[in-house]
Amino acid sequence: MTRLKTKIFFIALLTVQMCFAQISDNLMLYRKDFKHISGQNTVSVTSYEKNGLHLVYAGGEGDLDVFSLNNEGKLTPISKHELYKQKGPSRGMVADKINGTDFLFVANKYGNVIETFKILDNGSLERVSLVEDTEQTFLAVAITLQVIHMKKASYLFIGGLEKKPGLSSFKIEDNGKLTHVQSMKDDEKIHTDGIIGMFTHTIKGKTYLYTGGFQDNGVSSFRVFENGTFKNINNIDDNNTDRYLTGAYPVTGVTLGGNKYVVVGHRHHKYYDPKANFIKKKDFVYHGDGVSVFKINHKGALIPHFVLKDNEKTKLQGQTRIEIVSTYNNEAVLAVGTRDDASIQLLKLNQEGVLSPINYLETGFSIYYGLRSHKIGSDNFLIAGSDQFNFGNLVTYKIAPKIDRENKVIKHIVHLKYKDEATKTQVDQAVKAFVSLKNEIPSVKKFEWGENDSTEGHTKGLTHTFVITFKDENAREQYLFHKAHLELLKKYAPFFDDAVVMDYWTEE
């Protein structure tokens, strides 16, 4: 390469790097679709690509729903499947290819089993294996799964909660069945009491697994061997100075600039009802919310590195899921789902292991575990659900540069036509319920409505118009997924014959 070509190449590379840095500092979430699920709630979400088909699996109480996802973020239902004993929820789910066959592994939390499904060509499922808990394993209240591929075999690591805490390893056979390899019972040293998050790193050909301990407030690292056995490397406890691990919950990781990091969030025990007697260790101290970053040394051990503390400009209270959205130019974009802030917070992690906030969207619903990042082409999407009973929706978002909407508001316009058989009393009750939303949902800035008075003949039979003003996307999401709005639709939608809904931005 000539000096001139070399110079041009590096200038172009620098330009791309600068552009990405500017974009990653100003990303935002934009809702693209939402679809009803067969169950009452969505506890866990995962995704998978099979032969160019992008698939989404949403698990809640009793049922597992399958959707396809297109490049615009639109969801299309494919099938639904009943969980073992109609229990659930399908708390931990992971899809992977084992010797040429695609499988979905499901941790059926209250069924106390691990279910293996073969993923068929259209994305639907066929159960091929069921592994129940025994005295030798720790599958009771199973909630987290991690597939680890070694040179000659693949293994499923399983973590549980409450009854029999510990970590288990199973060999995944070619037909999807699981063969027990090793189980390690939780003790006072390791953090495996309530493994709600796991992640793996490979260092110089050696594989390491990292777990969070929800009940014992810490994180642990393990060396995984070729035969699927494992041993503890080191353990990090919570403290009240430089890490936030009380109720350690989501665990993920990333490699940047040659540095390997593990990122850990938490849903602090203060967010749980003390009367429920769920939290085992009662002597915790609430010292705020934050996301902790650990650097991994050459021996696979966790080293405390950095903490991003929650403040008035972030939404990090009650973190339940952290997803790596993208990595580029030694920077990573992360999405943090929160149960108590009912939001998705976007963060940036640089190669020095420092986290910084980007933007957040207040979703209007709590995220319990159901958040998944999925890429189609060059576009990044998030799929989210809620543990709220009767929420009944799966929602998709596209992550894109933030649009400048300073001094603008959203006008949300709903045109309705009621069924001919709906009585005047029923219509009046539906209208009254719609109007009352302005008093029940704080995010409504302005509300007006009226009956059609046009004589031009182009109303298409629509008779009532409602115009709701929101100050921003956060307010609109809070309205759309508010309990009062969802209950209104459930009660009065049977009286609707047709509807047209349009939103637009305008000067305030």
Protein backbone atom coordinates (compact mmCIF):
# COMPACT_ATOMS: atom_id res chain seq x y z
CA MET A 1 0.00 0.00 0.00
CA THR A 2 1.43 3.41 -0.99
CA ARG A 3 1.85 6.20 1.53
CA LEU A 4 -1.03 8.14 -0.05
CA LYS A 5 -3.37 5.14 0.05
CA THR A 6 -2.32 4.40 3.62
CA LYS A 7 -3.02 8.01 4.62
CA ILE A 8 -6.44 7.96 2.92
CA PHE A 9 -7.27 4.63 4.59
CA PHE A 10 -6.49 5.91 8.08
CA ILE A 11 -8.36 9.18 7.50
CA ALA A 12 -11.42 7.19 6.40
CA LEU A 13 -11.09 4.87 9.40
CA LEU A 14 -10.80 7.81 11.78
CA THR A 15 -13.87 9.43 10.21
CA VAL A 16 -15.92 6.25 10.68
CA GLN A 17 -14.75 5.97 14.28
CA MET A 18 -15.64 9.59 15.02
CA CYS A 19 -19.08 9.18 13.41
CA PHE A 20 -19.81 6.06 15.43
CA ALA A 21 -18.74 7.77 18.65
CA GLN A 22 -21.11 10.64 17.92
CA ILE A 23 -23.96 8.26 17.09
CA SER A 24 -23.44 5.99 20.10
CA ASP A 25 -23.57 9.01 22.41
CA ASN A 26 -27.02 9.94 21.13
CA LEU A 27 -28.96 6.71 20.56
CA MET A 28 -32.61 6.30 21.47
CA LEU A 29 -35.29 3.59 21.48
CA TYR A 30 -38.26 3.82 19.12
CA ARG A 31 -41.19 1.46 19.53
CA LYS A 32 -41.98 -0.46 16.34
CA ASP A 33 -44.65 -2.99 17.27
CA PHE A 34 -46.48 -4.78 20.04
CA LYS A 35 -48.44 -8.00 19.89
CA HIS A 36 -50.62 -9.89 22.34
CA ILE A 37 -49.31 -13.11 23.85
CA SER A 38 -51.35 -16.14 24.85
CA GLY A 39 -50.28 -15.99 28.50
CA GLN A 40 -50.96 -13.32 31.06
CA ASN A 41 -47.42 -12.04 31.26
CA THR A 42 -43.96 -12.24 29.69
CA VAL A 43 -41.23 -13.27 32.08
CA SER A 44 -38.46 -14.24 29.67
CA VAL A 45 -37.63 -13.45 26.04
CA THR A 46 -35.00 -14.89 23.72
CA SER A 47 -34.42 -14.82 19.97
CA TYR A 48 -32.76 -16.92 17.31
CA GLU A 49 -32.05 -16.92 13.58
CA LYS A 50 -32.76 -20.08 11.61
CA ASN A 51 -32.24 -20.19 7.85
CA GLY A 52 -32.76 -16.44 7.53
CA LEU A 53 -35.91 -16.50 9.69
CA HIS A 54 -35.65 -14.28 12.77
CA LEU A 55 -37.52 -15.87 15.67
CA VAL A 56 -38.66 -14.58 19.04
CA TYR A 57 -39.65 -16.83 21.97
CA ALA A 58 -41.67 -15.31 24.82
CA GLY A 59 -42.37 -17.29 27.95
CA GLY A 60 -44.75 -16.53 30.79
CA GLU A 61 -47.08 -18.44 33.10
CA GLY A 62 -48.05 -21.73 31.47
CA ASP A 63 -47.40 -20.95 27.81
CA LEU A 64 -44.56 -20.27 25.40
CA ASP A 65 -45.26 -18.07 22.35
CA VAL A 66 -43.32 -18.07 19.07
CA PHE A 67 -43.13 -15.04 16.74
CA SER A 68 -41.18 -14.07 13.67
CA LEU A 69 -39.50 -10.65 13.55
CA ASN A 70 -38.99 -8.78 10.27
CA ASN A 71 -36.47 -6.08 9.38
CA GLU A 72 -38.94 -3.34 10.36
CA GLY A 73 -39.34 -4.72 13.88
CA LYS A 74 -42.81 -6.15 13.20
CA LEU A 75 -43.90 -9.32 15.00
CA THR A 76 -45.96 -12.12 13.44
CA PRO A 77 -47.35 -14.94 15.64
CA ILE A 78 -46.28 -18.45 14.61
CA SER A 79 -47.38 -20.83 17.35
CA LYS A 80 -47.88 -21.33 21.06
CA HIS A 81 -46.82 -24.25 23.25
CA GLU A 82 -47.90 -25.48 26.62
CA LEU A 83 -45.22 -25.81 29.28
CA TYR A 84 -44.80 -28.92 31.41
CA LYS A 85 -47.70 -29.22 33.89
CA GLN A 86 -48.85 -25.80 32.59
CA LYS A 87 -46.47 -24.35 35.13
CA GLY A 88 -43.68 -21.99 34.28
CA PRO A 89 -42.81 -19.33 33.95
CA SER A 90 -40.18 -20.17 31.36
CA ARG A 91 -37.71 -18.07 33.28
CA GLY A 92 -34.47 -19.03 31.56
CA MET A 93 -34.42 -19.64 27.81
CA VAL A 94 -31.55 -20.09 25.38
CA ALA A 95 -31.53 -21.26 21.76
CA ASP A 96 -28.47 -22.81 20.14
CA LYS A 97 -27.26 -25.21 17.48
CA ILE A 98 -25.96 -28.58 18.66
CA ASN A 99 -24.20 -30.64 15.96
CA GLY A 100 -26.41 -29.23 13.22
CA THR A 101 -29.74 -29.27 15.09
CA ASP A 102 -31.41 -26.17 16.51
CA PHE A 103 -32.77 -26.42 20.05
CA LEU A 104 -34.50 -24.19 22.56
CA PHE A 105 -33.73 -24.95 26.20
CA VAL A 106 -36.27 -23.75 28.76
CA ALA A 107 -35.95 -23.53 32.53
CA ASN A 108 -39.49 -24.15 33.79
CA LYS A 109 -39.21 -22.34 37.11
CA TYR A 110 -42.05 -23.85 39.10
CA GLY A 111 -42.26 -27.05 37.10
CA ASN A 112 -38.75 -27.75 38.45
CA VAL A 113 -37.66 -29.11 35.08
CA ILE A 114 -35.53 -28.25 32.08
CA GLU A 115 -37.44 -28.65 28.82
CA THR A 116 -35.67 -29.14 25.49
CA PHE A 117 -37.50 -28.26 22.28
CA LYS A 118 -36.37 -28.89 18.73
CA ILE A 119 -36.80 -25.75 16.61
CA LEU A 120 -38.63 -26.70 13.44
CA ASP A 121 -38.13 -25.07 10.05
CA ASN A 122 -40.96 -22.57 10.58
CA GLY A 123 -39.73 -21.69 14.07
CA SER A 124 -42.35 -23.64 16.01
CA LEU A 125 -41.30 -26.17 18.64
CA GLU A 126 -41.35 -29.89 19.33
CA ARG A 127 -40.47 -31.08 22.83
CA VAL A 128 -37.75 -33.75 22.75
CA SER A 129 -36.54 -33.95 26.33
CA LEU A 130 -37.55 -33.27 29.90
CA VAL A 131 -35.16 -33.35 32.87
CA GLU A 132 -36.65 -33.22 36.37
CA ASP A 133 -34.86 -32.20 39.52
CA THR A 134 -33.23 -34.90 41.68
CA GLU A 135 -31.36 -35.04 44.97
CA GLN A 136 -28.08 -34.81 43.03
CA THR A 137 -28.98 -31.77 40.89
CA PHE A 138 -30.01 -28.19 41.53
CA LEU A 139 -32.89 -27.67 39.12
CA ALA A 140 -35.60 -26.75 41.61
CA VAL A 141 -36.87 -23.27 40.76
CA ALA A 142 -34.49 -23.24 37.78
CA ILE A 143 -34.18 -19.75 36.33
CA THR A 144 -30.95 -19.33 34.32
CA LEU A 145 -29.37 -21.32 31.49
CA GLN A 146 -26.04 -20.96 29.68
CA VAL A 147 -24.81 -23.06 26.76
CA ILE A 148 -21.04 -23.56 26.65
CA HIS A 149 -19.42 -25.08 23.56
CA MET A 150 -16.20 -26.98 24.15
CA LYS A 151 -14.07 -28.68 21.48
CA LYS A 152 -15.81 -32.06 21.48
CA ALA A 153 -19.13 -31.42 23.19
CA SER A 154 -21.58 -28.75 24.35
CA TYR A 155 -22.87 -28.31 27.89
CA LEU A 156 -25.86 -26.65 29.51
CA PHE A 157 -25.17 -24.88 32.79
CA ILE A 158 -28.16 -24.36 35.06
CA GLY A 159 -28.70 -22.06 38.02
CA GLY A 160 -31.63 -21.98 40.42
CA LEU A 161 -33.20 -20.10 43.29
CA GLU A 162 -34.78 -20.59 46.68
CA LYS A 163 -35.10 -24.31 47.43
CA LYS A 164 -31.81 -25.95 46.41
CA PRO A 165 -29.27 -23.32 45.38
CA GLY A 166 -26.25 -24.39 43.37
CA LEU A 167 -24.77 -24.77 39.90
CA SER A 168 -25.19 -27.78 37.61
CA SER A 169 -23.65 -28.90 34.32
CA PHE A 170 -25.30 -31.23 31.78
CA LYS A 171 -23.90 -32.59 28.53
CA ILE A 172 -26.18 -31.82 25.58
CA GLU A 173 -26.58 -34.92 23.45
CA ASP A 174 -27.13 -34.69 19.68
CA ASN A 175 -30.85 -35.43 20.14
CA GLY A 176 -31.24 -32.64 22.68
CA LYS A 177 -31.35 -34.84 25.75
CA LEU A 178 -29.33 -33.83 28.79
CA THR A 179 -26.85 -36.01 30.69
CA HIS A 180 -25.82 -34.87 34.15
CA VAL A 181 -22.09 -34.11 34.54
CA GLN A 182 -21.57 -32.21 37.79
CA SER A 183 -23.45 -30.22 40.43
CA MET A 184 -21.92 -27.90 43.00
CA LYS A 185 -23.98 -27.10 46.08
CA ASP A 186 -24.01 -23.51 47.25
CA ASP A 187 -22.00 -22.72 50.38
CA GLU A 188 -20.76 -19.69 52.30
CA LYS A 189 -17.89 -19.16 49.89
CA ILE A 190 -19.34 -19.21 46.39
CA HIS A 191 -22.15 -17.03 45.04
CA THR A 192 -24.64 -19.48 43.56
CA ASP A 193 -27.68 -18.87 45.74
CA GLY A 194 -30.05 -17.43 43.18
CA ILE A 195 -28.12 -17.52 39.89
CA ILE A 196 -30.16 -15.07 37.82
CA GLY A 197 -27.35 -14.24 35.42
CA MET A 198 -24.42 -16.10 33.80
CA PHE A 199 -21.81 -15.28 31.19
CA THR A 200 -18.71 -16.93 29.70
CA HIS A 201 -15.33 -15.67 28.53
CA THR A 202 -12.55 -17.60 26.79
CA ILE A 203 -8.98 -16.67 27.75
CA LYS A 204 -6.04 -18.31 25.94
CA GLY A 205 -8.17 -21.31 25.03
CA LYS A 206 -9.59 -21.73 28.54
CA THR A 207 -13.29 -21.20 29.30
CA TYR A 208 -14.58 -19.34 32.35
CA LEU A 209 -18.12 -18.99 33.65
CA TYR A 210 -19.34 -16.05 35.76
CA THR A 211 -22.42 -16.20 38.00
CA GLY A 212 -24.33 -13.73 40.11
CA GLY A 213 -25.72 -14.75 43.49
CA PHE A 214 -28.99 -12.95 44.14
CA GLN A 215 -29.46 -14.18 47.71
CA ASP A 216 -25.81 -14.19 48.78
CA ASN A 217 -25.02 -10.79 47.27
CA GLY A 218 -21.98 -11.37 45.10
CA VAL A 219 -20.44 -12.78 41.93
CA SER A 220 -18.26 -15.82 41.30
CA SER A 221 -15.98 -17.13 38.57
CA PHE A 222 -15.50 -20.78 37.56
CA ARG A 223 -13.11 -22.59 35.24
CA VAL A 224 -14.98 -24.93 32.87
CA PHE A 225 -13.08 -27.97 31.61
CA GLU A 226 -13.38 -29.92 28.35
CA ASN A 227 -15.49 -32.65 29.96
CA GLY A 228 -18.03 -30.16 31.35
CA THR A 229 -16.78 -30.22 34.93
CA PHE A 230 -15.94 -26.95 36.67
CA LYS A 231 -14.17 -25.46 39.69
CA ASN A 232 -14.40 -22.16 41.56
CA ILE A 233 -11.76 -19.49 40.82
CA ASN A 234 -12.70 -16.45 42.89
CA ASN A 235 -15.63 -14.67 44.55
CA ILE A 236 -16.49 -11.00 45.06
CA ASP A 237 -18.85 -9.85 47.82
CA ASP A 238 -21.04 -6.78 47.98
CA ASN A 239 -19.85 -3.78 49.96
CA ASN A 240 -21.04 -0.22 50.50
CA THR A 241 -18.19 1.60 48.77
CA ASP A 242 -17.17 0.47 45.29
CA ARG A 243 -19.67 -2.15 44.10
CA TYR A 244 -23.41 -2.76 44.11
CA LEU A 245 -24.18 -6.47 44.43
CA THR A 246 -26.99 -6.74 46.98
CA GLY A 247 -29.48 -8.78 45.01
CA ALA A 248 -27.01 -9.44 42.15
CA TYR A 249 -29.26 -10.03 39.17
CA PRO A 250 -28.29 -9.62 35.50
CA VAL A 251 -24.82 -10.67 34.37
CA THR A 252 -23.31 -10.11 30.94
CA GLY A 253 -19.90 -9.40 29.44
CA VAL A 254 -17.92 -8.11 26.49
CA THR A 255 -14.38 -7.93 25.09
CA LEU A 256 -13.12 -4.46 24.15
CA GLY A 257 -9.64 -3.50 23.04
CA GLY A 258 -8.24 -6.78 24.28
CA ASN A 259 -9.80 -6.26 27.72
CA LYS A 260 -12.45 -8.65 28.99
CA TYR A 261 -15.22 -7.32 31.20
CA VAL A 262 -18.15 -8.71 33.14
CA VAL A 263 -21.02 -6.30 33.79
CA VAL A 264 -23.34 -6.94 36.74
CA GLY A 265 -26.56 -5.26 37.77
CA HIS A 266 -28.79 -5.80 40.76
CA ARG A 267 -32.32 -5.51 42.01
CA HIS A 268 -31.67 -4.46 45.57
CA HIS A 269 -33.38 -6.36 48.34
CA LYS A 270 -35.03 -3.12 49.48
CA TYR A 271 -37.41 -3.48 46.53
CA TYR A 272 -38.92 -6.68 47.92
CA ASP A 273 -41.68 -6.85 50.50
CA PRO A 274 -40.00 -7.74 53.82
CA LYS A 275 -43.20 -9.46 54.96
CA ALA A 276 -42.94 -11.95 52.11
CA ASN A 277 -39.92 -13.54 53.83
CA PHE A 278 -38.30 -14.09 50.43
CA ILE A 279 -34.94 -12.45 51.19
CA LYS A 280 -32.76 -14.78 53.26
CA LYS A 281 -30.20 -12.26 54.58
CA LYS A 282 -32.05 -9.46 56.34
CA ASP A 283 -29.02 -7.42 57.48
CA PHE A 284 -28.43 -5.65 54.17
CA VAL A 285 -27.80 -1.92 53.85
CA TYR A 286 -29.24 0.03 50.94
CA HIS A 287 -26.45 2.14 49.50
CA GLY A 288 -28.05 3.09 46.22
CA ASP A 289 -28.32 1.56 42.78
CA GLY A 290 -25.53 1.11 40.28
CA VAL A 291 -24.07 -1.10 37.57
CA SER A 292 -20.73 -2.73 38.44
CA VAL A 293 -17.98 -3.50 35.93
CA PHE A 294 -15.38 -6.20 36.64
CA LYS A 295 -12.19 -6.68 34.67
CA ILE A 296 -11.05 -10.26 34.06
CA ASN A 297 -7.40 -11.08 34.63
CA HIS A 298 -5.37 -13.69 32.75
CA LYS A 299 -6.44 -16.38 35.25
CA GLY A 300 -10.13 -15.71 34.65
CA ALA A 301 -10.63 -14.05 38.02
CA LEU A 302 -12.99 -11.12 38.63
CA ILE A 303 -11.36 -7.80 39.58
CA PRO A 304 -13.59 -4.86 40.71
CA HIS A 305 -13.08 -2.09 38.16
CA PHE A 306 -15.81 0.55 37.84
CA VAL A 307 -19.31 1.46 39.03
CA LEU A 308 -21.87 3.67 37.31
CA LYS A 309 -24.09 5.04 40.06
CA ASP A 310 -27.75 5.83 39.50
CA ASN A 311 -28.74 9.50 39.66
CA GLU A 312 -31.58 11.80 38.65
CA LYS A 313 -30.56 11.52 34.98
CA THR A 314 -30.53 7.70 34.78
CA LYS A 315 -33.06 4.90 35.22
CA LEU A 316 -31.23 2.11 37.04
CA GLN A 317 -33.51 1.22 39.94
CA GLY A 318 -34.27 -2.49 40.05
CA GLN A 319 -32.12 -3.78 37.20
CA THR A 320 -33.29 -7.16 35.95
CA ARG A 321 -31.68 -7.59 32.54
CA ILE A 322 -28.59 -6.23 30.76
CA GLU A 323 -28.19 -6.88 27.04
CA ILE A 324 -25.22 -6.10 24.80
CA VAL A 325 -26.80 -4.22 21.89
CA SER A 326 -23.70 -3.71 19.74
CA THR A 327 -19.92 -3.51 19.82
CA TYR A 328 -17.90 -1.35 17.47
CA ASN A 329 -14.55 0.43 17.56
CA ASN A 330 -13.86 -0.91 21.05
CA GLU A 331 -17.09 0.52 22.43
CA ALA A 332 -20.20 -1.38 23.47
CA VAL A 333 -23.78 -0.20 23.74
CA LEU A 334 -25.74 -1.87 26.54
CA ALA A 335 -29.45 -1.88 27.34
CA VAL A 336 -30.53 -2.18 30.98
CA GLY A 337 -34.09 -3.27 31.72
CA THR A 338 -35.47 -2.10 35.06
CA ARG A 339 -38.38 -3.39 37.07
CA ASP A 340 -38.74 -0.49 39.49
CA ASP A 341 -37.97 2.39 37.13
CA ALA A 342 -40.04 0.62 34.43
CA SER A 343 -37.54 1.75 31.81
CA ILE A 344 -34.83 0.71 29.38
CA GLN A 345 -31.59 2.60 29.97
CA LEU A 346 -28.96 2.71 27.22
CA LEU A 347 -25.33 2.81 28.36
CA LYS A 348 -21.95 2.96 26.66
CA LEU A 349 -18.93 0.95 27.83
CA ASN A 350 -15.54 2.04 26.48
CA GLN A 351 -12.40 -0.08 26.16
CA GLU A 352 -11.13 1.28 29.49
CA GLY A 353 -14.14 -0.33 31.15
CA VAL A 354 -15.91 2.94 31.98
CA LEU A 355 -19.71 3.10 31.70
CA SER A 356 -21.58 6.25 30.76
CA PRO A 357 -25.32 6.87 30.22
CA ILE A 358 -26.74 7.58 26.77
CA ASN A 359 -30.55 7.89 26.86
CA TYR A 360 -33.49 6.03 28.34
CA LEU A 361 -37.09 5.28 27.47
CA GLU A 362 -39.73 4.92 30.16
CA THR A 363 -41.57 1.90 28.80
CA GLY A 364 -44.64 2.22 30.97
CA PHE A 365 -44.25 -1.39 32.15
CA SER A 366 -41.88 -3.17 34.52
CA ILE A 367 -39.29 -5.48 33.00
CA TYR A 368 -38.68 -8.55 35.11
CA TYR A 369 -36.30 -10.61 32.98
CA GLY A 370 -37.82 -10.33 29.54
CA LEU A 371 -35.47 -8.20 27.46
CA ARG A 372 -33.55 -9.37 24.42
CA SER A 373 -31.24 -7.67 21.92
CA HIS A 374 -31.47 -8.87 18.31
CA LYS A 375 -29.74 -7.70 15.14
CA ILE A 376 -31.16 -7.86 11.61
CA GLY A 377 -28.72 -6.66 8.98
CA SER A 378 -27.23 -3.44 10.35
CA ASP A 379 -30.23 -2.64 12.56
CA ASN A 380 -30.39 -3.32 16.28
CA PHE A 381 -33.68 -4.17 17.98
CA LEU A 382 -34.82 -4.83 21.53
CA ILE A 383 -37.71 -7.15 22.36
CA ALA A 384 -39.32 -6.61 25.75
CA GLY A 385 -42.11 -7.99 27.88
CA SER A 386 -43.44 -7.51 31.38
CA ASP A 387 -44.05 -9.73 34.38
CA GLN A 388 -47.20 -7.72 35.12
CA PHE A 389 -50.20 -10.04 35.07
CA ASN A 390 -52.75 -9.13 32.41
CA PHE A 391 -50.16 -7.00 30.59
CA GLY A 392 -50.22 -9.57 27.81
CA ASN A 393 -47.97 -7.86 25.27
CA LEU A 394 -44.61 -8.30 23.61
CA VAL A 395 -43.02 -5.04 22.47
CA THR A 396 -40.25 -4.30 19.96
CA TYR A 397 -37.99 -1.26 19.74
CA LYS A 398 -35.44 -0.11 17.19
CA ILE A 399 -32.29 1.56 18.46
CA ALA A 400 -31.39 4.54 16.28
CA PRO A 401 -29.93 8.07 16.51
CA LYS A 402 -32.11 10.35 18.61
CA ILE A 403 -34.39 12.68 16.65
CA ASP A 404 -34.30 16.32 17.72
CA ARG A 405 -37.82 17.18 18.89
CA GLU A 406 -37.09 20.15 21.10
CA ASN A 407 -40.16 22.29 21.88
CA LYS A 408 -42.47 19.74 20.25
CA VAL A 409 -45.28 17.59 21.63
CA ILE A 410 -47.04 14.44 20.43
CA LYS A 411 -50.66 14.51 19.33
CA HIS A 412 -52.25 11.06 19.69
CA ILE A 413 -55.49 10.92 17.70
CA VAL A 414 -58.02 8.08 17.99
CA HIS A 415 -61.06 7.87 15.70
CA LEU A 416 -63.64 5.26 16.73
CA LYS A 417 -66.70 3.59 15.27
CA TYR A 418 -68.92 1.61 17.61
CA LYS A 419 -70.78 -1.55 16.60
CA ASP A 420 -74.39 -1.16 15.48
CA GLU A 421 -75.54 -3.56 18.17
CA ALA A 422 -73.82 -1.52 20.92
CA THR A 423 -76.48 0.28 22.96
CA LYS A 424 -76.37 4.00 23.68
CA THR A 425 -75.65 3.20 27.31
CA GLN A 426 -72.69 1.00 26.37
CA VAL A 427 -71.29 3.66 24.03
CA ASP A 428 -71.72 6.36 26.68
CA GLN A 429 -69.95 4.18 29.26
CA ALA A 430 -67.07 3.53 26.86
CA VAL A 431 -66.70 7.24 26.10
CA LYS A 432 -66.84 8.14 29.79
CA ALA A 433 -64.14 5.55 30.55
CA PHE A 434 -61.93 6.94 27.76
CA VAL A 435 -62.34 10.51 29.02
CA SER A 436 -61.55 9.46 32.59
CA LEU A 437 -58.05 8.35 31.51
CA LYS A 438 -56.93 11.99 31.72
CA ASN A 439 -57.41 11.79 35.49
CA GLU A 440 -55.92 8.32 35.92
CA ILE A 441 -52.76 8.60 33.84
CA PRO A 442 -50.39 11.41 34.91
CA SER A 443 -48.49 11.45 31.61
CA VAL A 444 -51.53 12.87 29.75
CA LYS A 445 -50.76 16.54 29.20
CA LYS A 446 -54.02 17.50 27.48
CA PHE A 447 -57.20 15.62 26.55
CA GLU A 448 -60.05 16.63 24.26
CA TRP A 449 -62.76 14.75 22.42
CA GLY A 450 -65.92 15.15 20.41
CA GLU A 451 -68.47 13.49 18.13
CA ASN A 452 -68.30 13.89 14.37
CA ASP A 453 -69.98 16.99 12.93
CA SER A 454 -68.67 16.74 9.36
CA THR A 455 -71.19 16.58 6.48
CA GLU A 456 -68.61 15.91 3.73
CA GLY A 457 -69.25 12.18 3.70
CA HIS A 458 -65.69 10.96 4.21
CA THR A 459 -65.83 9.77 7.81
CA LYS A 460 -65.91 6.04 6.86
CA GLY A 461 -68.51 5.60 9.58
CA LEU A 462 -66.21 6.83 12.37
CA THR A 463 -68.18 8.79 14.95
CA HIS A 464 -65.95 9.76 17.90
CA THR A 465 -62.54 11.44 17.98
CA PHE A 466 -60.18 11.66 20.98
CA VAL A 467 -57.05 13.84 20.91
CA ILE A 468 -54.43 13.28 23.61
CA THR A 469 -51.29 15.40 23.97
CA PHE A 470 -48.01 14.04 25.38
CA LYS A 471 -44.83 15.97 26.06
CA ASP A 472 -42.50 13.22 24.75
CA GLU A 473 -42.03 9.50 23.95
CA ASN A 474 -41.78 8.62 27.64
CA ALA A 475 -45.22 10.08 28.35
CA ARG A 476 -46.76 8.28 25.39
CA GLU A 477 -45.35 4.90 26.47
CA GLN A 478 -46.56 5.43 30.03
CA TYR A 479 -50.06 6.07 28.69
CA LEU A 480 -50.11 3.24 26.16
CA PHE A 481 -49.10 0.54 28.63
CA HIS A 482 -50.73 2.03 31.74
CA LYS A 483 -52.95 -0.37 33.67
CA ALA A 484 -55.99 1.90 33.27
CA HIS A 485 -55.57 2.07 29.47
CA LEU A 486 -55.07 -1.69 29.14
CA GLU A 487 -58.13 -2.40 31.29
CA LEU A 488 -60.22 0.02 29.22
CA LEU A 489 -59.30 -1.80 26.02
CA LYS A 490 -60.02 -5.18 27.54
CA LYS A 491 -63.46 -4.07 28.75
CA TYR A 492 -64.68 -1.87 25.89
CA ALA A 493 -62.85 -3.04 22.76
CA PRO A 494 -65.64 -5.60 22.11
CA PHE A 495 -67.92 -2.62 21.39
CA PHE A 496 -65.54 -1.13 18.79
CA ASP A 497 -66.33 -1.81 15.15
CA ASP A 498 -63.37 0.07 13.70
CA ALA A 499 -60.62 2.48 14.73
CA VAL A 500 -57.99 4.72 13.18
CA VAL A 501 -55.06 5.81 15.34
CA MET A 502 -52.46 8.36 14.25
CA ASP A 503 -49.70 10.23 16.07
CA TYR A 504 -47.82 13.31 14.95
CA TRP A 505 -45.34 15.80 16.38
CA THR A 506 -46.14 19.50 16.41
CA GLU A 507 -44.91 22.73 17.96
CA GLU A 508 -45.84 23.08 21.61
